[in-house]
Full PDB file with SEQRES, HELIX, SHEET, SSBOND, CRYST1, ORIGX, SCALE, CONECT and MASTER records, all heavy atoms in Angstrom:
SEQRES   1 A   43  ILE THR ASN TYR ALA ASP SER VAL LYS GLY ARG PHE THR          
SEQRES   2 A   43  ILE SER ARG ASP ASN ALA LYS HIS THR VAL TYR LEU GLN          
SEQRES   3 A   43  MET ASP THR LEU LYS PRO GLU ASP THR ALA LEU TYR TYR          
SEQRES   4 A   43  CYS ASN ALA TYR                                              
HELIX    1 AA1 ASN A   18  LYS A   20  5                                   3    
HELIX    2 AA2 PRO A   32  ASP A   34  5                                   3    
SHEET    1 AA1 2 PHE A  12  ASP A  17  0                                        
SHEET    2 AA1 2 THR A  22  MET A  27 -1                                        
CRYST1    1.000    1.000    1.000  90.00  90.00  90.00 P 1           1          
ORIGX1      1.000000  0.000000  0.000000        0.00000                         
ORIGX2      0.000000  1.000000  0.000000        0.00000                         
ORIGX3      0.000000  0.000000  1.000000        0.00000                         
SCALE1      1.000000  0.000000  0.000000        0.00000                         
SCALE2      0.000000  1.000000  0.000000        0.00000                         
SCALE3      0.000000  0.000000  1.000000        0.00000                         
ATOM      1  N   ILE A   1     115.371 117.714  78.482  1.00  0.00           N  
ATOM      2  CA  ILE A   1     116.309 116.907  77.693  1.00  0.00           C  
ATOM      3  C   ILE A   1     116.605 115.619  78.440  1.00  0.00           C  
ATOM      4  O   ILE A   1     116.809 115.625  79.654  1.00  0.00           O  
ATOM      5  CB  ILE A   1     117.598 117.689  77.421  1.00  0.00           C  
ATOM      6  CG1 ILE A   1     117.288 118.907  76.547  1.00  0.00           C  
ATOM      7  CG2 ILE A   1     118.648 116.813  76.762  1.00  0.00           C  
ATOM      8  CD1 ILE A   1     118.461 119.838  76.350  1.00  0.00           C  
ATOM      9  N   THR A   2     116.646 114.522  77.704  1.00  0.00           N  
ATOM     10  CA  THR A   2     116.845 113.210  78.311  1.00  0.00           C  
ATOM     11  C   THR A   2     118.106 112.539  77.778  1.00  0.00           C  
ATOM     12  O   THR A   2     118.556 112.806  76.665  1.00  0.00           O  
ATOM     13  CB  THR A   2     115.647 112.290  78.039  1.00  0.00           C  
ATOM     14  OG1 THR A   2     115.474 112.155  76.619  1.00  0.00           O  
ATOM     15  CG2 THR A   2     114.366 112.865  78.633  1.00  0.00           C  
ATOM     16  N   ASN A   3     118.662 111.661  78.602  1.00  0.00           N  
ATOM     17  CA  ASN A   3     119.777 110.807  78.200  1.00  0.00           C  
ATOM     18  C   ASN A   3     119.543 109.415  78.766  1.00  0.00           C  
ATOM     19  O   ASN A   3     119.018 109.281  79.882  1.00  0.00           O  
ATOM     20  CB  ASN A   3     121.109 111.350  78.721  1.00  0.00           C  
ATOM     21  CG  ASN A   3     121.510 112.629  78.035  1.00  0.00           C  
ATOM     22  OD1 ASN A   3     121.241 113.722  78.535  1.00  0.00           O  
ATOM     23  ND2 ASN A   3     122.126 112.514  76.882  1.00  0.00           N  
ATOM     24  N   TYR A   4     119.944 108.410  78.004  1.00  0.00           N  
ATOM     25  CA  TYR A   4     119.733 107.029  78.410  1.00  0.00           C  
ATOM     26  C   TYR A   4     121.023 106.218  78.291  1.00  0.00           C  
ATOM     27  O   TYR A   4     121.858 106.474  77.414  1.00  0.00           O  
ATOM     28  CB  TYR A   4     118.678 106.359  77.524  1.00  0.00           C  
ATOM     29  CG  TYR A   4     117.304 106.961  77.629  1.00  0.00           C  
ATOM     30  CD1 TYR A   4     116.910 108.000  76.786  1.00  0.00           C  
ATOM     31  CD2 TYR A   4     116.396 106.484  78.572  1.00  0.00           C  
ATOM     32  CE1 TYR A   4     115.652 108.557  76.882  1.00  0.00           C  
ATOM     33  CE2 TYR A   4     115.132 107.028  78.676  1.00  0.00           C  
ATOM     34  CZ  TYR A   4     114.762 108.064  77.827  1.00  0.00           C  
ATOM     35  OH  TYR A   4     113.510 108.606  77.932  1.00  0.00           O  
ATOM     36  N   ALA A   5     121.144 105.219  79.141  1.00  0.00           N  
ATOM     37  CA  ALA A   5     122.193 104.223  78.957  1.00  0.00           C  
ATOM     38  C   ALA A   5     121.901 103.447  77.672  1.00  0.00           C  
ATOM     39  O   ALA A   5     120.733 103.202  77.338  1.00  0.00           O  
ATOM     40  CB  ALA A   5     122.225 103.284  80.146  1.00  0.00           C  
ATOM     41  N   ASP A   6     122.946 103.055  76.980  1.00  0.00           N  
ATOM     42  CA  ASP A   6     122.760 102.318  75.724  1.00  0.00           C  
ATOM     43  C   ASP A   6     121.932 101.052  75.926  1.00  0.00           C  
ATOM     44  O   ASP A   6     121.157 100.658  75.055  1.00  0.00           O  
ATOM     45  CB  ASP A   6     124.120 101.961  75.122  1.00  0.00           C  
ATOM     46  CG  ASP A   6     124.828 103.159  74.536  1.00  0.00           C  
ATOM     47  OD1 ASP A   6     124.171 104.194  74.298  1.00  0.00           O  
ATOM     48  OD2 ASP A   6     126.051 103.066  74.323  1.00  0.00           O  
ATOM     49  N   SER A   7     122.093 100.439  77.092  1.00  0.00           N  
ATOM     50  CA  SER A   7     121.439  99.157  77.347  1.00  0.00           C  
ATOM     51  C   SER A   7     119.914  99.274  77.467  1.00  0.00           C  
ATOM     52  O   SER A   7     119.216  98.264  77.377  1.00  0.00           O  
ATOM     53  CB  SER A   7     121.995  98.526  78.622  1.00  0.00           C  
ATOM     54  OG  SER A   7     121.794  99.384  79.729  1.00  0.00           O  
ATOM     55  N   VAL A   8     119.403 100.493  77.662  1.00  0.00           N  
ATOM     56  CA  VAL A   8     117.951 100.653  77.842  1.00  0.00           C  
ATOM     57  C   VAL A   8     117.307 101.509  76.755  1.00  0.00           C  
ATOM     58  O   VAL A   8     116.086 101.660  76.738  1.00  0.00           O  
ATOM     59  CB  VAL A   8     117.616 101.248  79.226  1.00  0.00           C  
ATOM     60  CG1 VAL A   8     118.257 100.420  80.333  1.00  0.00           C  
ATOM     61  CG2 VAL A   8     118.017 102.708  79.321  1.00  0.00           C  
ATOM     62  N   LYS A   9     118.109 102.053  75.843  1.00  0.00           N  
ATOM     63  CA  LYS A   9     117.559 102.901  74.785  1.00  0.00           C  
ATOM     64  C   LYS A   9     116.526 102.127  73.968  1.00  0.00           C  
ATOM     65  O   LYS A   9     116.757 100.981  73.583  1.00  0.00           O  
ATOM     66  CB  LYS A   9     118.675 103.388  73.864  1.00  0.00           C  
ATOM     67  CG  LYS A   9     119.460 104.558  74.417  1.00  0.00           C  
ATOM     68  CD  LYS A   9     120.547 105.002  73.447  1.00  0.00           C  
ATOM     69  CE  LYS A   9     121.350 106.147  74.031  1.00  0.00           C  
ATOM     70  NZ  LYS A   9     122.479 106.550  73.148  1.00  0.00           N  
ATOM     71  N   GLY A  10     115.402 102.780  73.728  1.00  0.00           N  
ATOM     72  CA  GLY A  10     114.338 102.152  72.962  1.00  0.00           C  
ATOM     73  C   GLY A  10     113.399 101.294  73.793  1.00  0.00           C  
ATOM     74  O   GLY A  10     112.344 100.874  73.303  1.00  0.00           O  
ATOM     75  N   ARG A  11     113.757 101.032  75.040  1.00  0.00           N  
ATOM     76  CA  ARG A  11     112.908 100.216  75.916  1.00  0.00           C  
ATOM     77  C   ARG A  11     112.389 101.000  77.122  1.00  0.00           C  
ATOM     78  O   ARG A  11     111.269 100.749  77.583  1.00  0.00           O  
ATOM     79  CB  ARG A  11     113.689  98.997  76.419  1.00  0.00           C  
ATOM     80  CG  ARG A  11     114.190  98.078  75.330  1.00  0.00           C  
ATOM     81  CD  ARG A  11     114.774  96.797  75.912  1.00  0.00           C  
ATOM     82  NE  ARG A  11     115.933  97.031  76.769  1.00  0.00           N  
ATOM     83  CZ  ARG A  11     116.006  96.666  78.054  1.00  0.00           C  
ATOM     84  NH1 ARG A  11     114.976  96.060  78.635  1.00  0.00           N  
ATOM     85  NH2 ARG A  11     117.106  96.908  78.760  1.00  0.00           N  
ATOM     86  N   PHE A  12     113.182 101.934  77.633  1.00  0.00           N  
ATOM     87  CA  PHE A  12     112.817 102.710  78.810  1.00  0.00           C  
ATOM     88  C   PHE A  12     112.551 104.155  78.397  1.00  0.00           C  
ATOM     89  O   PHE A  12     113.191 104.681  77.482  1.00  0.00           O  
ATOM     90  CB  PHE A  12     113.941 102.706  79.843  1.00  0.00           C  
ATOM     91  CG  PHE A  12     114.184 101.386  80.523  1.00  0.00           C  
ATOM     92  CD1 PHE A  12     113.583 100.207  80.089  1.00  0.00           C  
ATOM     93  CD2 PHE A  12     115.031 101.322  81.616  1.00  0.00           C  
ATOM     94  CE1 PHE A  12     113.815  99.006  80.715  1.00  0.00           C  
ATOM     95  CE2 PHE A  12     115.282 100.134  82.264  1.00  0.00           C  
ATOM     96  CZ  PHE A  12     114.673  98.969  81.805  1.00  0.00           C  
ATOM     97  N   THR A  13     111.619 104.801  79.123  1.00  0.00           N  
ATOM     98  CA  THR A  13     111.311 106.202  78.895  1.00  0.00           C  
ATOM     99  C   THR A  13     111.230 106.926  80.225  1.00  0.00           C  
ATOM    100  O   THR A  13     110.454 106.528  81.104  1.00  0.00           O  
ATOM    101  CB  THR A  13     109.980 106.366  78.149  1.00  0.00           C  
ATOM    102  OG1 THR A  13     110.016 105.629  76.923  1.00  0.00           O  
ATOM    103  CG2 THR A  13     109.719 107.839  77.842  1.00  0.00           C  
ATOM    104  N   ILE A  14     112.017 107.989  80.358  1.00  0.00           N  
ATOM    105  CA  ILE A  14     111.969 108.819  81.566  1.00  0.00           C  
ATOM    106  C   ILE A  14     111.123 110.054  81.275  1.00  0.00           C  
ATOM    107  O   ILE A  14     111.180 110.614  80.177  1.00  0.00           O  
ATOM    108  CB  ILE A  14     113.389 109.206  82.035  1.00  0.00           C  
ATOM    109  CG1 ILE A  14     113.333 109.868  83.412  1.00  0.00           C  
ATOM    110  CG2 ILE A  14     114.097 110.090  81.015  1.00  0.00           C  
ATOM    111  CD1 ILE A  14     114.717 110.052  84.052  1.00  0.00           C  
ATOM    112  N   SER A  15     110.347 110.472  82.265  1.00  0.00           N  
ATOM    113  CA  SER A  15     109.528 111.677  82.124  1.00  0.00           C  
ATOM    114  C   SER A  15     109.368 112.319  83.486  1.00  0.00           C  
ATOM    115  O   SER A  15     109.680 111.698  84.518  1.00  0.00           O  
ATOM    116  CB  SER A  15     108.156 111.341  81.515  1.00  0.00           C  
ATOM    117  OG  SER A  15     107.436 110.440  82.348  1.00  0.00           O  
ATOM    118  N   ARG A  16     108.891 113.552  83.493  1.00  0.00           N  
ATOM    119  CA  ARG A  16     108.718 114.253  84.763  1.00  0.00           C  
ATOM    120  C   ARG A  16     107.448 115.081  84.720  1.00  0.00           C  
ATOM    121  O   ARG A  16     107.043 115.568  83.652  1.00  0.00           O  
ATOM    122  CB  ARG A  16     109.933 115.130  85.081  1.00  0.00           C  
ATOM    123  CG  ARG A  16     110.173 116.279  84.117  1.00  0.00           C  
ATOM    124  CD  ARG A  16     111.544 116.936  84.370  1.00  0.00           C  
ATOM    125  NE  ARG A  16     111.612 117.577  85.669  1.00  0.00           N  
ATOM    126  CZ  ARG A  16     112.759 117.891  86.279  1.00  0.00           C  
ATOM    127  NH1 ARG A  16     113.925 117.617  85.699  1.00  0.00           N  
ATOM    128  NH2 ARG A  16     112.734 118.491  87.459  1.00  0.00           N  
ATOM    129  N   ASP A  17     106.853 115.242  85.899  1.00  0.00           N  
ATOM    130  CA  ASP A  17     105.690 116.106  86.084  1.00  0.00           C  
ATOM    131  C   ASP A  17     106.070 117.092  87.179  1.00  0.00           C  
ATOM    132  O   ASP A  17     106.042 116.760  88.368  1.00  0.00           O  
ATOM    133  CB  ASP A  17     104.464 115.276  86.472  1.00  0.00           C  
ATOM    134  CG  ASP A  17     103.195 116.096  86.554  1.00  0.00           C  
ATOM    135  OD1 ASP A  17     103.280 117.316  86.809  1.00  0.00           O  
ATOM    136  OD2 ASP A  17     102.108 115.523  86.406  1.00  0.00           O  
ATOM    137  N   ASN A  18     106.447 118.283  86.774  1.00  0.00           N  
ATOM    138  CA  ASN A  18     106.933 119.265  87.750  1.00  0.00           C  
ATOM    139  C   ASN A  18     105.843 119.680  88.739  1.00  0.00           C  
ATOM    140  O   ASN A  18     106.142 119.999  89.896  1.00  0.00           O  
ATOM    141  CB  ASN A  18     107.493 120.480  87.031  1.00  0.00           C  
ATOM    142  CG  ASN A  18     108.821 120.191  86.356  1.00  0.00           C  
ATOM    143  OD1 ASN A  18     109.495 119.212  86.678  1.00  0.00           O  
ATOM    144  ND2 ASN A  18     109.195 121.028  85.404  1.00  0.00           N  
ATOM    145  N   ALA A  19     104.609 119.680  88.297  1.00  0.00           N  
ATOM    146  CA  ALA A  19     103.511 120.063  89.185  1.00  0.00           C  
ATOM    147  C   ALA A  19     103.325 119.057  90.318  1.00  0.00           C  
ATOM    148  O   ALA A  19     102.899 119.413  91.418  1.00  0.00           O  
ATOM    149  CB  ALA A  19     102.221 120.203  88.395  1.00  0.00           C  
ATOM    150  N   LYS A  20     103.652 117.793  90.025  1.00  0.00           N  
ATOM    151  CA  LYS A  20     103.513 116.737  91.034  1.00  0.00           C  
ATOM    152  C   LYS A  20     104.832 116.400  91.712  1.00  0.00           C  
ATOM    153  O   LYS A  20     104.890 115.496  92.548  1.00  0.00           O  
ATOM    154  CB  LYS A  20     102.925 115.474  90.385  1.00  0.00           C  
ATOM    155  CG  LYS A  20     101.506 115.645  89.869  1.00  0.00           C  
ATOM    156  CD  LYS A  20     100.959 114.348  89.302  1.00  0.00           C  
ATOM    157  CE  LYS A  20      99.521 114.511  88.840  1.00  0.00           C  
ATOM    158  NZ  LYS A  20      98.969 113.259  88.263  1.00  0.00           N  
ATOM    159  N   HIS A  21     105.905 117.089  91.334  1.00  0.00           N  
ATOM    160  CA  HIS A  21     107.236 116.822  91.896  1.00  0.00           C  
ATOM    161  C   HIS A  21     107.610 115.357  91.725  1.00  0.00           C  
ATOM    162  O   HIS A  21     108.180 114.744  92.636  1.00  0.00           O  
ATOM    163  CB  HIS A  21     107.278 117.213  93.375  1.00  0.00           C  
ATOM    164  CG  HIS A  21     107.279 118.681  93.601  1.00  0.00           C  
ATOM    165  ND1 HIS A  21     107.694 119.271  94.780  1.00  0.00           N  
ATOM    166  CD2 HIS A  21     106.893 119.710  92.805  1.00  0.00           C  
ATOM    167  CE1 HIS A  21     107.562 120.576  94.690  1.00  0.00           C  
ATOM    168  NE2 HIS A  21     107.073 120.875  93.498  1.00  0.00           N  
ATOM    169  N   THR A  22     107.299 114.802  90.583  1.00  0.00           N  
ATOM    170  CA  THR A  22     107.468 113.378  90.365  1.00  0.00           C  
ATOM    171  C   THR A  22     108.191 113.108  89.050  1.00  0.00           C  
ATOM    172  O   THR A  22     107.929 113.761  88.046  1.00  0.00           O  
ATOM    173  CB  THR A  22     106.100 112.666  90.371  1.00  0.00           C  
ATOM    174  OG1 THR A  22     105.474 112.870  91.636  1.00  0.00           O  
ATOM    175  CG2 THR A  22     106.253 111.173  90.142  1.00  0.00           C  
ATOM    176  N   VAL A  23     109.082 112.123  89.096  1.00  0.00           N  
ATOM    177  CA  VAL A  23     109.750 111.634  87.898  1.00  0.00           C  
ATOM    178  C   VAL A  23     109.369 110.163  87.715  1.00  0.00           C  
ATOM    179  O   VAL A  23     109.202 109.432  88.701  1.00  0.00           O  
ATOM    180  CB  VAL A  23     111.275 111.813  87.985  1.00  0.00           C  
ATOM    181  CG1 VAL A  23     111.873 111.054  89.160  1.00  0.00           C  
ATOM    182  CG2 VAL A  23     111.965 111.414  86.685  1.00  0.00           C  
ATOM    183  N   TYR A  24     109.204 109.765  86.469  1.00  0.00           N  
ATOM    184  CA  TYR A  24     108.761 108.414  86.140  1.00  0.00           C  
ATOM    185  C   TYR A  24     109.805 107.703  85.288  1.00  0.00           C  
ATOM    186  O   TYR A  24     110.570 108.329  84.551  1.00  0.00           O  
ATOM    187  CB  TYR A  24     107.438 108.456  85.365  1.00  0.00           C  
ATOM    188  CG  TYR A  24     106.337 109.202  86.062  1.00  0.00           C  
ATOM    189  CD1 TYR A  24     106.070 110.535  85.744  1.00  0.00           C  
ATOM    190  CD2 TYR A  24     105.560 108.581  87.028  1.00  0.00           C  
ATOM    191  CE1 TYR A  24     105.051 111.237  86.380  1.00  0.00           C  
ATOM    192  CE2 TYR A  24     104.539 109.270  87.670  1.00  0.00           C  
ATOM    193  CZ  TYR A  24     104.296 110.591  87.340  1.00  0.00           C  
ATOM    194  OH  TYR A  24     103.286 111.284  87.979  1.00  0.00           O  
ATOM    195  N   LEU A  25     109.790 106.384  85.370  1.00  0.00           N  
ATOM    196  CA  LEU A  25     110.582 105.571  84.465  1.00  0.00           C  
ATOM    197  C   LEU A  25     109.679 104.448  83.951  1.00  0.00           C  
ATOM    198  O   LEU A  25     109.334 103.538  84.701  1.00  0.00           O  
ATOM    199  CB  LEU A  25     111.813 104.974  85.146  1.00  0.00           C  
ATOM    200  CG  LEU A  25     112.748 104.208  84.209  1.00  0.00           C  
ATOM    201  CD1 LEU A  25     113.432 105.177  83.234  1.00  0.00           C  
ATOM    202  CD2 LEU A  25     113.804 103.442  85.013  1.00  0.00           C  
ATOM    203  N   GLN A  26     109.261 104.566  82.699  1.00  0.00           N  
ATOM    204  CA  GLN A  26     108.480 103.515  82.059  1.00  0.00           C  
ATOM    205  C   GLN A  26     109.451 102.498  81.472  1.00  0.00           C  
ATOM    206  O   GLN A  26     110.295 102.854  80.647  1.00  0.00           O  
ATOM    207  CB  GLN A  26     107.596 104.100  80.956  1.00  0.00           C  
ATOM    208  CG  GLN A  26     106.791 103.078  80.184  1.00  0.00           C  
ATOM    209  CD  GLN A  26     105.753 102.376  81.035  1.00  0.00           C  
ATOM    210  OE1 GLN A  26     105.083 103.009  81.852  1.00  0.00           O  
ATOM    211  NE2 GLN A  26     105.608 101.063  80.862  1.00  0.00           N  
ATOM    212  N   MET A  27     109.325 101.266  81.917  1.00  0.00           N  
ATOM    213  CA  MET A  27     110.240 100.216  81.491  1.00  0.00           C  
ATOM    214  C   MET A  27     109.454  99.149  80.729  1.00  0.00           C  
ATOM    215  O   MET A  27     108.568  98.507  81.298  1.00  0.00           O  
ATOM    216  CB  MET A  27     110.932  99.596  82.711  1.00  0.00           C  
ATOM    217  CG  MET A  27     111.655 100.611  83.574  1.00  0.00           C  
ATOM    218  SD  MET A  27     112.603  99.848  84.911  1.00  0.00           S  
ATOM    219  CE  MET A  27     111.291  99.139  85.883  1.00  0.00           C  
ATOM    220  N   ASP A  28     109.766  99.005  79.462  1.00  0.00           N  
ATOM    221  CA  ASP A  28     109.103  98.023  78.602  1.00  0.00           C  
ATOM    222  C   ASP A  28     110.109  96.991  78.126  1.00  0.00           C  
ATOM    223  O   ASP A  28     111.324  97.206  78.176  1.00  0.00           O  
ATOM    224  CB  ASP A  28     108.457  98.727  77.412  1.00  0.00           C  
ATOM    225  CG  ASP A  28     107.378  99.710  77.823  1.00  0.00           C  
ATOM    226  OD1 ASP A  28     106.560  99.364  78.691  1.00  0.00           O  
ATOM    227  OD2 ASP A  28     107.358 100.829  77.270  1.00  0.00           O  
ATOM    228  N   THR A  29     109.583  95.882  77.635  1.00  0.00           N  
ATOM    229  CA  THR A  29     110.427  94.791  77.116  1.00  0.00           C  
ATOM    230  C   THR A  29     111.554  94.460  78.098  1.00  0.00           C  
ATOM    231  O   THR A  29     112.738  94.417  77.753  1.00  0.00           O  
ATOM    232  CB  THR A  29     111.018  95.163  75.737  1.00  0.00           C  
ATOM    233  OG1 THR A  29     110.034  95.833  74.940  1.00  0.00           O  
ATOM    234  CG2 THR A  29     111.470  93.915  74.985  1.00  0.00           C  
ATOM    235  N   LEU A  30     111.173  94.254  79.331  1.00  0.00           N  
ATOM    236  CA  LEU A  30     112.163  94.012  80.380  1.00  0.00           C  
ATOM    237  C   LEU A  30     112.892  92.700  80.161  1.00  0.00           C  
ATOM    238  O   LEU A  30     112.313  91.714  79.672  1.00  0.00           O  
ATOM    239  CB  LEU A  30     111.488  94.044  81.755  1.00  0.00           C  
ATOM    240  CG  LEU A  30     111.201  95.460  82.268  1.00  0.00           C  
ATOM    241  CD1 LEU A  30     110.108  95.431  83.326  1.00  0.00           C  
ATOM    242  CD2 LEU A  30     112.472  96.080  82.802  1.00  0.00           C  
ATOM    243  N   LYS A  31     114.162  92.695  80.544  1.00  0.00           N  
ATOM    244  CA  LYS A  31     115.036  91.538  80.406  1.00  0.00           C  
ATOM    245  C   LYS A  31     115.549  91.123  81.786  1.00  0.00           C  
ATOM    246  O   LYS A  31     115.624  91.964  82.689  1.00  0.00           O  
ATOM    247  CB  LYS A  31     116.228  91.890  79.509  1.00  0.00           C  
ATOM    248  CG  LYS A  31     115.850  92.412  78.133  1.00  0.00           C  
ATOM    249  CD  LYS A  31     117.099  92.834  77.372  1.00  0.00           C  
ATOM    250  CE  LYS A  31     116.752  93.383  75.997  1.00  0.00           C  
ATOM    251  NZ  LYS A  31     117.969  93.797  75.251  1.00  0.00           N  
ATOM    252  N   PRO A  32     115.953  89.879  81.930  1.00  0.00           N  
ATOM    253  CA  PRO A  32     116.507  89.451  83.229  1.00  0.00           C  
ATOM    254  C   PRO A  32     117.682  90.321  83.682  1.00  0.00           C  
ATOM    255  O   PRO A  32     117.839  90.558  84.885  1.00  0.00           O  
ATOM    256  CB  PRO A  32     116.947  88.011  82.953  1.00  0.00           C  
ATOM    257  CG  PRO A  32     116.012  87.546  81.888  1.00  0.00           C  
ATOM    258  CD  PRO A  32     115.788  88.737  81.012  1.00  0.00           C  
ATOM    259  N   GLU A  33     118.456  90.817  82.740  1.00  0.00           N  
ATOM    260  CA  GLU A  33     119.609  91.659  83.105  1.00  0.00           C  
ATOM    261  C   GLU A  33     119.206  93.044  83.601  1.00  0.00           C  
ATOM    262  O   GLU A  33     120.061  93.815  84.042  1.00  0.00           O  
ATOM    263  CB  GLU A  33     120.591  91.789  81.932  1.00  0.00           C  
ATOM    264  CG  GLU A  33     119.971  92.197  80.616  1.00  0.00           C  
ATOM    265  CD  GLU A  33     119.658  91.002  79.726  1.00  0.00           C  
ATOM    266  OE1 GLU A  33     119.146  89.975  80.236  1.00  0.00           O  
ATOM    267  OE2 GLU A  33     119.909  91.101  78.511  1.00  0.00           O  
ATOM    268  N   ASP A  34     117.934  93.383  83.537  1.00  0.00           N  
ATOM    269  CA  ASP A  34     117.438  94.633  84.126  1.00  0.00           C  
ATOM    270  C   ASP A  34     117.183  94.488  85.628  1.00  0.00           C  
ATOM    271  O   ASP A  34     116.874  95.478  86.303  1.00  0.00           O  
ATOM    272  CB  ASP A  34     116.143  95.074  83.449  1.00  0.00           C  
ATOM    273  CG  ASP A  34     116.335  95.439  81.984  1.00  0.00           C  
ATOM    274  OD1 ASP A  34     117.330  96.105  81.666  1.00  0.00           O  
ATOM    275  OD2 ASP A  34     115.482  95.053  81.165  1.00  0.00           O  
ATOM    276  N   THR A  35     117.303  93.287  86.145  1.00  0.00           N  
ATOM    277  CA  THR A  35     117.097  93.051  87.571  1.00  0.00           C  
ATOM    278  C   THR A  35     118.108  93.834  88.393  1.00  0.00           C  
ATOM    279  O   THR A  35     119.314  93.721  88.175  1.00  0.00           O  
ATOM    280  CB  THR A  35     117.211  91.550  87.885  1.00  0.00           C  
ATOM    281  OG1 THR A  35     116.146  90.851  87.229  1.00  0.00           O  
ATOM    282  CG2 THR A  35     117.139  91.301  89.381  1.00  0.00           C  
ATOM    283  N   ALA A  36     117.606  94.656  89.297  1.00  0.00           N  
ATOM    284  CA  ALA A  36     118.482  95.512  90.113  1.00  0.00           C  
ATOM    285  C   ALA A  36     117.637  96.283  91.113  1.00  0.00           C  
ATOM    286  O   ALA A  36     116.405  96.306  91.029  1.00  0.00           O  
ATOM    287  CB  ALA A  36     119.252  96.484  89.227  1.00  0.00           C  
ATOM    288  N   LEU A  37     118.333  96.954  92.012  1.00  0.00           N  
ATOM    289  CA  LEU A  37     117.715  97.939  92.880  1.00  0.00           C  
ATOM    290  C   LEU A  37     117.802  99.282  92.160  1.00  0.00           C  
ATOM    291  O   LEU A  37     118.898  99.703  91.781  1.00  0.00           O  
ATOM    292  CB  LEU A  37     118.433  97.987  94.223  1.00  0.00           C  
ATOM    293  CG  LEU A  37     117.805  98.784  95.350  1.00  0.00           C  
ATOM    294  CD1 LEU A  37     116.406  98.262  95.668  1.00  0.00           C  
ATOM    295  CD2 LEU A  37     118.685  98.729  96.590  1.00  0.00           C  
ATOM    296  N   TYR A  38     116.663  99.904  91.939  1.00  0.00           N  
ATOM    297  CA  TYR A  38     116.600 101.150  91.181  1.00  0.00           C  
ATOM    298  C   TYR A  38     116.474 102.338  92.134  1.00  0.00           C  
ATOM    299  O   TYR A  38     115.589 102.366  92.994  1.00  0.00           O  
ATOM    300  CB  TYR A  38     115.413 101.115  90.213  1.00  0.00           C  
ATOM    301  CG  TYR A  38     115.684 100.278  88.982  1.00  0.00           C  
ATOM    302  CD1 TYR A  38     115.771  98.895  89.072  1.00  0.00           C  
ATOM    303  CD2 TYR A  38     115.866 100.873  87.738  1.00  0.00           C  
ATOM    304  CE1 TYR A  38     116.035  98.123  87.949  1.00  0.00           C  
ATOM    305  CE2 TYR A  38     116.126 100.110  86.612  1.00  0.00           C  
ATOM    306  CZ  TYR A  38     116.214  98.735  86.723  1.00  0.00           C  
ATOM    307  OH  TYR A  38     116.482  97.977  85.602  1.00  0.00           O  
ATOM    308  N   TYR A  39     117.351 103.308  91.928  1.00  0.00           N  
ATOM    309  CA  TYR A  39     117.407 104.482  92.794  1.00  0.00           C  
ATOM    310  C   TYR A  39     117.019 105.743  92.017  1.00  0.00           C  
ATOM    311  O   TYR A  39     117.433 105.931  90.867  1.00  0.00           O  
ATOM    312  CB  TYR A  39     118.819 104.695  93.321  1.00  0.00           C  
ATOM    313  CG  TYR A  39     119.318 103.617  94.248  1.00  0.00           C  
ATOM    314  CD1 TYR A  39     120.043 102.544  93.753  1.00  0.00           C  
ATOM    315  CD2 TYR A  39     119.087 103.687  95.624  1.00  0.00           C  
ATOM    316  CE1 TYR A  39     120.519 101.559  94.596  1.00  0.00           C  
ATOM    317  CE2 TYR A  39     119.565 102.703  96.474  1.00  0.00           C  
ATOM    318  CZ  TYR A  39     120.281 101.648  95.956  1.00  0.00           C  
ATOM    319  OH  TYR A  39     120.747 100.674  96.801  1.00  0.00           O  
ATOM    320  N   CYS A  40     116.304 106.602  92.687  1.00  0.00           N  
ATOM    321  CA  CYS A  40     115.991 107.924  92.170  1.00  0.00           C  
ATOM    322  C   CYS A  40     117.064 108.905  92.649  1.00  0.00           C  
ATOM    323  O   CYS A  40     117.547 108.807  93.779  1.00  0.00           O  
ATOM    324  CB  CYS A  40     114.614 108.346  92.692  1.00  0.00           C  
ATOM    325  SG  CYS A  40     114.067 109.979  92.192  1.00  0.00           S  
ATOM    326  N   ASN A  41     117.425 109.844  91.775  1.00  0.00           N  
ATOM    327  CA  ASN A  41     118.445 110.836  92.106  1.00  0.00           C  
ATOM    328  C   ASN A  41     117.982 112.217  91.701  1.00  0.00           C  
ATOM    329  O   ASN A  41     117.353 112.393  90.652  1.00  0.00           O  
ATOM    330  CB  ASN A  41     119.749 110.504  91.381  1.00  0.00           C  
ATOM    331  CG  ASN A  41     120.807 111.562  91.576  1.00  0.00           C  
ATOM    332  OD1 ASN A  41     120.992 112.432  90.734  1.00  0.00           O  
ATOM    333  ND2 ASN A  41     121.516 111.486  92.683  1.00  0.00           N  
ATOM    334  N   ALA A  42     118.307 113.202  92.544  1.00  0.00           N  
ATOM    335  CA  ALA A  42     118.030 114.605  92.238  1.00  0.00           C  
ATOM    336  C   ALA A  42     119.338 115.366  92.357  1.00  0.00           C  
ATOM    337  O   ALA A  42     120.028 115.285  93.378  1.00  0.00           O  
ATOM    338  CB  ALA A  42     116.993 115.177  93.204  1.00  0.00           C  
ATOM    339  N   TYR A  43     119.685 116.111  91.290  1.00  0.00           N  
ATOM    340  CA  TYR A  43     120.982 116.788  91.249  1.00  0.00           C  
ATOM    341  C   TYR A  43     120.807 118.221  90.761  1.00  0.00           C  
ATOM    342  O   TYR A  43     120.149 118.476  89.758  1.00  0.00           O  
ATOM    343  CB  TYR A  43     121.924 116.043  90.320  1.00  0.00           C  
ATOM    344  CG  TYR A  43     123.210 116.779  90.040  1.00  0.00           C  
ATOM    345  CD1 TYR A  43     124.207 116.845  91.000  1.00  0.00           C  
ATOM    346  CD2 TYR A  43     123.394 117.454  88.842  1.00  0.00           C  
ATOM    347  CE1 TYR A  43     125.373 117.552  90.759  1.00  0.00           C  
ATOM    348  CE2 TYR A  43     124.552 118.157  88.591  1.00  0.00           C  
ATOM    349  CZ  TYR A  43     125.540 118.202  89.555  1.00  0.00           C  
ATOM    350  OH  TYR A  43     126.685 118.910  89.323  1.00  0.00           O  
TER     351      TYR A  43                                                      
MASTER        0    0    0    2    2    0    0    6  350    1    0    4          
END                                                                             
């Protein structure tokens, strides 16, 4: 199950590959306001 911030809905897609222990963030139609330091979190 996924949840997104309103500001990225329809542009970003999160996915995971449990076999590779990896999570992805596909970011499309990027805007200048997307500029930031992006952190991965495990909870």
